[in-house]
Amino acid sequence: MHRVEVKIETQGGFRATEVIADLRNVAEILFNPLRLVGFWDDQAGGLHLCPQEQMGRECLHKLPQRDPRHVDYATTADDQLRAILEVNFPHAGLLVYLR
């Protein structure tokens, strides 16, 4: 999977959006025709689209890193969601996965 980091730096009293929907739109516009297949929001405690939870299984992404069952969300996005691009918005603590 390819990775891109989008840094938004501002001066003065302005602050860039941290809203997932806004940043999803930014990623999809920048990398058209790719579309969102997943996301990981660090600021919301690891909120994400989890294929395991959607199938009624235990989420392995939020397990402690030292747990042998832990799986990085990027691995799931690549393998199961077939993401081809990870867009990192570090100012918002958000990773958006596109296919």
Protein backbone atom coordinates (compact mmCIF):
# COMPACT_ATOMS: atom_id res chain seq x y z
CA MET A 1 0.00 0.00 0.00
CA HIS A 2 1.21 3.52 -0.79
CA ARG A 3 1.28 6.23 1.89
CA VAL A 4 0.81 9.99 1.68
CA GLU A 5 0.99 12.57 4.47
CA VAL A 6 -1.05 15.77 4.14
CA LYS A 7 0.34 18.45 6.44
CA ILE A 8 -1.82 21.50 7.00
CA GLU A 9 0.01 24.38 8.62
CA THR A 10 -1.75 27.62 9.46
CA GLN A 11 -0.78 31.02 10.76
CA GLY A 12 -2.83 33.29 12.93
CA GLY A 13 -6.12 32.27 14.47
CA PHE A 14 -7.14 29.75 11.84
CA ARG A 15 -7.34 26.01 12.42
CA ALA A 16 -7.84 23.29 9.83
CA THR A 17 -10.84 21.00 10.15
CA GLU A 18 -10.47 17.74 12.03
CA VAL A 19 -13.91 16.41 11.05
CA ILE A 20 -13.68 12.94 9.50
CA ALA A 21 -16.25 13.70 6.80
CA ASP A 22 -14.39 16.84 5.72
CA LEU A 23 -11.04 15.06 5.54
CA ARG A 24 -12.59 12.12 3.73
CA ASN A 25 -13.81 14.57 1.08
CA VAL A 26 -10.35 16.16 0.88
CA ALA A 27 -8.69 12.77 0.38
CA GLU A 28 -11.22 11.68 -2.24
CA ILE A 29 -10.90 14.97 -4.13
CA LEU A 30 -7.10 14.90 -4.04
CA PHE A 31 -6.90 11.30 -5.18
CA ASN A 32 -9.95 11.00 -7.44
CA PRO A 33 -11.27 8.44 -8.49
CA LEU A 34 -10.23 6.59 -5.30
CA ARG A 35 -12.89 6.20 -2.59
CA LEU A 36 -12.82 5.61 1.17
CA VAL A 37 -12.76 2.01 2.36
CA GLY A 38 -11.64 2.63 5.94
CA PHE A 39 -10.27 5.09 8.48
CA TRP A 40 -8.50 5.19 11.85
CA ASP A 41 -9.15 8.15 14.18
CA ASP A 42 -6.58 8.42 16.98
CA GLN A 43 -8.29 11.44 18.56
CA ALA A 44 -11.47 9.42 19.04
CA GLY A 45 -9.63 6.59 20.79
CA GLY A 46 -9.08 4.46 17.72
CA LEU A 47 -12.52 4.83 16.15
CA HIS A 48 -12.49 2.90 12.87
CA LEU A 49 -14.48 0.87 10.38
CA CYS A 50 -13.85 -2.68 11.57
CA PRO A 51 -14.69 -5.57 9.24
CA GLN A 52 -14.36 -8.04 12.14
CA GLU A 53 -16.93 -6.16 14.25
CA GLN A 54 -19.26 -5.89 11.25
CA MET A 55 -19.21 -9.70 11.07
CA GLY A 56 -19.88 -10.00 14.82
CA ARG A 57 -16.30 -10.97 15.71
CA GLU A 58 -13.88 -9.49 18.21
CA CYS A 59 -11.96 -6.41 17.06
CA LEU A 60 -8.25 -7.26 17.05
CA HIS A 61 -7.12 -3.69 16.27
CA LYS A 62 -7.67 -2.27 19.75
CA LEU A 63 -5.90 -5.07 21.60
CA PRO A 64 -2.62 -4.06 23.25
CA GLN A 65 0.35 -4.13 20.86
CA ARG A 66 2.02 -6.83 23.00
CA ASP A 67 -1.00 -9.16 22.60
CA PRO A 68 -0.11 -11.81 19.97
CA ARG A 69 -3.62 -11.49 18.49
CA HIS A 70 -3.20 -7.73 17.85
CA VAL A 71 -3.46 -6.72 14.19
CA ASP A 72 -2.56 -3.25 12.92
CA TYR A 73 -5.48 -1.60 11.18
CA ALA A 74 -3.23 -0.77 8.20
CA THR A 75 -2.73 -4.51 7.67
CA THR A 76 -6.49 -5.10 7.68
CA ALA A 77 -7.06 -2.14 5.36
CA ASP A 78 -4.50 -3.57 2.94
CA ASP A 79 -5.49 -7.25 3.12
CA GLN A 80 -9.25 -7.24 3.69
CA LEU A 81 -10.42 -3.82 2.50
CA ARG A 82 -7.97 -3.84 -0.43
CA ALA A 83 -6.87 -0.25 0.24
CA ILE A 84 -4.19 1.00 -2.10
CA LEU A 85 -3.50 4.37 -0.46
CA GLU A 86 -3.18 5.51 3.17
CA VAL A 87 -3.68 9.27 3.57
CA ASN A 88 -2.36 10.60 6.88
CA PHE A 89 -3.70 13.86 8.29
CA PRO A 90 -1.35 14.27 11.29
CA HIS A 91 -2.98 17.51 12.51
CA ALA A 92 -6.19 15.54 13.07
CA GLY A 93 -4.70 12.19 14.10
CA LEU A 94 -6.59 10.62 11.20
CA LEU A 95 -5.64 7.96 8.68
CA VAL A 96 -7.94 7.55 5.66
CA TYR A 97 -7.70 4.44 3.49
CA LEU A 98 -8.71 4.62 -0.16
CA ARG A 99 -9.26 2.12 -2.96
